Amino acid sequence: MELPVQQNPSSPWRSANEVRAMALVVQANLVQLKTFDAKRRGLSSSEHEIRVPPPGAVLRYREALLDRESLKPYSDAELTLRLHEFWGRYCLMQWLFERDGTEKPVNFASVSSAAPLRCPTELVVKLDEVHAMLWRLRFEQRRRTDHTYISSTAFHRHLEWAGQIPLQPLGRQVDQCADEELLLSACQHVGMLATLRWVMDRTREWNDPSLMEVSDQPF
């Protein structure tokens, strides 16, 4: 039997209970965004491509819940980007608690309070991986839109780095993806990156914009 790891009070990382509580918030926000998106598109909730169960009552981190009224002014494009950001956050939360045999989509209300997170080494590796992938997506977006960048001295060095990062959004090579596909994939990776950084640093606020920042170098 796997015993839960006791949190060191001096650890900079958040406990499994804290993460599970925020995962419920992420799930609730994703459900709300999905509902808004389905309504805008004239779909029923069951017809929407995103599958996520409602989590029920959210008792902690309620300040991080999206306000229904704040979503109404969103344009269709803004709503789509926000939806994909929270899909990325939700998928990352699933990965944190994932064990063999875990069924998806996960309802975090059903995850045991004793369920442990993945080990610290796995989180560090995942952080590096997600950051590198987001850097790669941003590189491709910039390569397509910033002509001065292509002629810069940094471009050839960045091109070499990009070739070292395997990434296939929607099963295709990055340079074969449409602009919209790149943007949606980038939003998902932004959500994953911000969530993982929040988990690994208890001093950071959930909505801190710096959690989404990408460094000049991928590695």
Protein backbone atom coordinates (compact mmCIF):
# COMPACT_ATOMS: atom_id res chain seq x y z
CA MET A 1 0.00 0.00 0.00
CA GLU A 2 1.35 3.44 -0.96
CA LEU A 3 1.42 5.84 1.97
CA PRO A 4 0.97 9.60 1.44
CA VAL A 5 4.12 11.64 1.70
CA GLN A 6 4.08 14.00 4.68
CA GLN A 7 4.59 17.62 3.71
CA ASN A 8 7.64 19.31 5.20
CA PRO A 9 6.38 22.56 6.77
CA SER A 10 9.41 24.40 5.40
CA SER A 11 8.99 23.02 1.87
CA PRO A 12 8.49 25.60 -0.90
CA TRP A 13 6.09 23.17 -2.57
CA ARG A 14 2.37 23.00 -1.96
CA SER A 15 0.83 20.00 -0.25
CA ALA A 16 -1.29 17.44 -2.08
CA ASN A 17 -4.35 18.72 -0.21
CA GLU A 18 -3.73 22.28 -1.40
CA VAL A 19 -3.25 21.12 -4.97
CA ARG A 20 -6.37 18.96 -4.90
CA ALA A 21 -8.40 21.92 -3.61
CA MET A 22 -7.19 24.10 -6.47
CA ALA A 23 -7.81 21.28 -8.93
CA LEU A 24 -11.50 21.47 -7.96
CA VAL A 25 -11.43 25.19 -8.80
CA VAL A 26 -9.81 24.47 -12.17
CA GLN A 27 -12.43 21.82 -12.89
CA ALA A 28 -15.29 24.15 -11.95
CA ASN A 29 -13.86 26.94 -14.12
CA LEU A 30 -13.44 24.59 -17.07
CA VAL A 31 -17.06 23.44 -16.74
CA GLN A 32 -18.25 27.05 -16.72
CA LEU A 33 -16.14 28.01 -19.74
CA LYS A 34 -17.31 24.92 -21.60
CA THR A 35 -20.94 25.78 -20.84
CA PHE A 36 -20.50 29.33 -22.14
CA ASP A 37 -18.70 28.10 -25.25
CA ALA A 38 -21.34 25.46 -26.00
CA LYS A 39 -24.11 28.04 -25.66
CA ARG A 40 -22.33 30.46 -27.99
CA ARG A 41 -21.93 27.70 -30.58
CA GLY A 42 -25.49 26.43 -30.26
CA LEU A 43 -24.41 23.08 -28.83
CA SER A 44 -25.63 21.06 -25.90
CA SER A 45 -23.08 20.34 -23.19
CA SER A 46 -22.95 16.69 -24.25
CA GLU A 47 -22.07 17.70 -27.83
CA HIS A 48 -19.04 19.74 -26.78
CA GLU A 49 -15.66 18.16 -27.56
CA ILE A 50 -14.32 18.82 -24.05
CA ARG A 51 -15.39 16.20 -21.53
CA VAL A 52 -15.29 17.30 -17.90
CA PRO A 53 -17.72 16.47 -15.06
CA PRO A 54 -19.03 19.16 -12.70
CA PRO A 55 -17.10 18.94 -9.40
CA GLY A 56 -19.89 19.93 -7.04
CA ALA A 57 -19.22 22.31 -4.15
CA VAL A 58 -15.93 24.22 -4.13
CA LEU A 59 -15.03 25.14 -0.56
CA ARG A 60 -11.46 26.40 -0.85
CA TYR A 61 -9.72 28.96 -3.09
CA ARG A 62 -13.12 30.32 -4.07
CA GLU A 63 -11.49 33.63 -4.96
CA ALA A 64 -9.96 31.84 -7.96
CA LEU A 65 -13.36 30.87 -9.36
CA LEU A 66 -14.27 32.66 -12.58
CA ASP A 67 -17.12 35.09 -12.13
CA ARG A 68 -20.00 34.28 -14.47
CA GLU A 69 -20.65 37.94 -15.19
CA SER A 70 -17.02 38.53 -16.13
CA LEU A 71 -17.30 35.95 -18.92
CA LYS A 72 -20.21 37.63 -20.69
CA PRO A 73 -18.13 40.42 -22.33
CA TYR A 74 -15.64 37.89 -23.77
CA SER A 75 -15.49 37.77 -27.54
CA ASP A 76 -15.78 34.33 -29.11
CA ALA A 77 -12.01 34.34 -29.69
CA GLU A 78 -11.24 35.33 -26.09
CA LEU A 79 -13.55 32.64 -24.77
CA THR A 80 -11.87 29.98 -26.91
CA LEU A 81 -8.40 30.97 -25.71
CA ARG A 82 -9.46 30.97 -22.06
CA LEU A 83 -11.14 27.59 -22.53
CA HIS A 84 -7.93 26.08 -23.88
CA GLU A 85 -5.87 27.64 -21.10
CA PHE A 86 -8.05 25.91 -18.51
CA TRP A 87 -8.06 22.67 -20.45
CA GLY A 88 -4.27 22.75 -20.10
CA ARG A 89 -4.56 23.47 -16.37
CA TYR A 90 -7.04 20.61 -15.92
CA CYS A 91 -4.86 18.14 -17.85
CA LEU A 92 -1.84 19.11 -15.75
CA MET A 93 -3.79 18.57 -12.53
CA GLN A 94 -4.85 15.14 -13.79
CA TRP A 95 -1.22 14.28 -14.49
CA LEU A 96 -0.17 15.34 -11.00
CA PHE A 97 -2.46 12.78 -9.38
CA GLU A 98 -2.43 10.20 -12.15
CA ARG A 99 -1.76 6.57 -11.32
CA ASP A 100 -2.11 3.38 -13.34
CA GLY A 101 -5.76 2.70 -14.02
CA THR A 102 -6.89 6.30 -13.55
CA GLU A 103 -9.91 7.00 -15.70
CA LYS A 104 -10.25 10.28 -17.56
CA PRO A 105 -11.78 12.77 -17.28
CA VAL A 106 -11.09 12.95 -13.55
CA ASN A 107 -13.56 14.35 -11.06
CA PHE A 108 -11.27 15.78 -8.38
CA ALA A 109 -14.13 15.66 -5.89
CA SER A 110 -13.65 11.87 -5.99
CA VAL A 111 -9.87 11.96 -5.52
CA SER A 112 -8.93 10.80 -2.04
CA SER A 113 -7.63 13.43 0.37
CA ALA A 114 -4.76 10.99 0.98
CA ALA A 115 -3.82 10.78 -2.70
CA PRO A 116 -0.16 11.78 -3.17
CA LEU A 117 1.26 13.96 -5.90
CA ARG A 118 3.89 12.71 -8.29
CA CYS A 119 7.39 12.82 -6.87
CA PRO A 120 9.43 16.07 -6.94
CA THR A 121 11.82 14.75 -9.59
CA GLU A 122 8.94 14.10 -11.97
CA LEU A 123 7.59 17.61 -11.41
CA VAL A 124 10.96 19.22 -12.15
CA VAL A 125 11.30 17.21 -15.36
CA LYS A 126 7.74 18.08 -16.36
CA LEU A 127 8.33 21.79 -15.72
CA ASP A 128 11.37 21.79 -18.01
CA GLU A 129 9.45 19.85 -20.65
CA VAL A 130 6.39 22.12 -20.67
CA HIS A 131 8.52 25.27 -20.72
CA ALA A 132 10.57 23.99 -23.66
CA MET A 133 7.41 23.07 -25.59
CA LEU A 134 5.84 26.46 -24.98
CA TRP A 135 9.09 28.14 -26.08
CA ARG A 136 8.98 26.04 -29.26
CA LEU A 137 5.41 27.10 -30.01
CA ARG A 138 6.24 30.76 -29.38
CA PHE A 139 9.29 30.43 -31.64
CA GLU A 140 7.14 29.11 -34.48
CA GLN A 141 4.60 31.90 -34.02
CA ARG A 142 7.34 34.52 -34.04
CA ARG A 143 9.04 32.95 -37.05
CA ARG A 144 5.84 33.32 -39.03
CA THR A 145 4.98 36.88 -38.07
CA ASP A 146 8.19 38.77 -37.24
CA HIS A 147 10.28 39.22 -40.39
CA THR A 148 12.97 41.22 -38.60
CA TYR A 149 13.43 38.30 -36.22
CA ILE A 150 14.31 35.97 -39.11
CA SER A 151 17.16 38.26 -40.13
CA SER A 152 18.46 38.69 -36.58
CA THR A 153 21.65 37.11 -35.27
CA ALA A 154 19.67 35.23 -32.61
CA PHE A 155 17.37 33.49 -35.10
CA HIS A 156 19.82 30.81 -36.29
CA ARG A 157 20.73 29.90 -32.71
CA HIS A 158 17.05 29.69 -31.82
CA LEU A 159 16.36 27.61 -34.92
CA GLU A 160 18.94 25.09 -33.73
CA TRP A 161 17.30 24.93 -30.29
CA ALA A 162 13.86 24.51 -31.88
CA GLY A 163 15.12 21.47 -33.77
CA GLN A 164 15.97 19.82 -30.44
CA ILE A 165 12.39 20.05 -29.11
CA PRO A 166 10.08 17.33 -30.46
CA LEU A 167 6.50 18.56 -30.48
CA GLN A 168 3.51 17.47 -32.55
CA PRO A 169 0.32 19.38 -31.75
CA LEU A 170 -2.67 17.47 -33.11
CA GLY A 171 -0.31 14.76 -34.35
CA ARG A 172 1.48 17.03 -36.84
CA GLN A 173 4.87 18.68 -36.85
CA VAL A 174 4.81 22.19 -35.42
CA ASP A 175 5.71 23.83 -38.72
CA GLN A 176 2.77 22.06 -40.40
CA CYS A 177 0.15 23.40 -37.97
CA ALA A 178 -2.20 26.22 -38.87
CA ASP A 179 -1.76 29.51 -37.02
CA GLU A 180 -4.92 28.92 -34.98
CA GLU A 181 -3.75 25.46 -33.96
CA LEU A 182 -0.46 26.92 -32.75
CA LEU A 183 -2.29 29.55 -30.73
CA LEU A 184 -4.62 27.08 -29.04
CA SER A 185 -1.76 24.71 -28.24
CA ALA A 186 0.23 27.61 -26.80
CA CYS A 187 -2.72 28.54 -24.57
CA GLN A 188 -2.89 24.98 -23.25
CA HIS A 189 0.84 24.96 -22.49
CA VAL A 190 0.60 28.38 -20.80
CA GLY A 191 -2.06 26.93 -18.51
CA MET A 192 0.07 23.90 -17.73
CA LEU A 193 3.18 25.97 -17.08
CA ALA A 194 1.44 28.44 -14.77
CA THR A 195 -0.25 25.67 -12.81
CA LEU A 196 2.93 23.68 -12.34
CA ARG A 197 4.88 26.73 -11.18
CA TRP A 198 2.13 27.52 -8.66
CA VAL A 199 2.33 23.97 -7.30
CA MET A 200 6.10 24.16 -6.94
CA ASP A 201 6.23 27.56 -5.22
CA ARG A 202 3.83 28.30 -2.37
CA THR A 203 4.86 31.97 -2.33
CA ARG A 204 3.25 32.62 -5.73
CA GLU A 205 -0.33 33.80 -6.17
CA TRP A 206 -2.56 31.75 -8.45
CA ASN A 207 -3.20 34.62 -10.88
CA ASP A 208 0.38 35.95 -10.87
CA PRO A 209 1.10 36.82 -14.55
CA SER A 210 4.77 35.92 -14.10
CA LEU A 211 3.76 32.26 -13.79
CA MET A 212 3.12 32.33 -17.55
CA GLU A 213 6.41 33.92 -18.58
CA VAL A 214 8.67 32.15 -21.07
CA SER A 215 12.43 32.59 -20.86
CA ASP A 216 14.58 33.66 -23.78
CA GLN A 217 16.11 30.18 -23.82
CA PRO A 218 14.10 26.93 -23.83
CA PHE A 219 16.42 24.90 -21.60
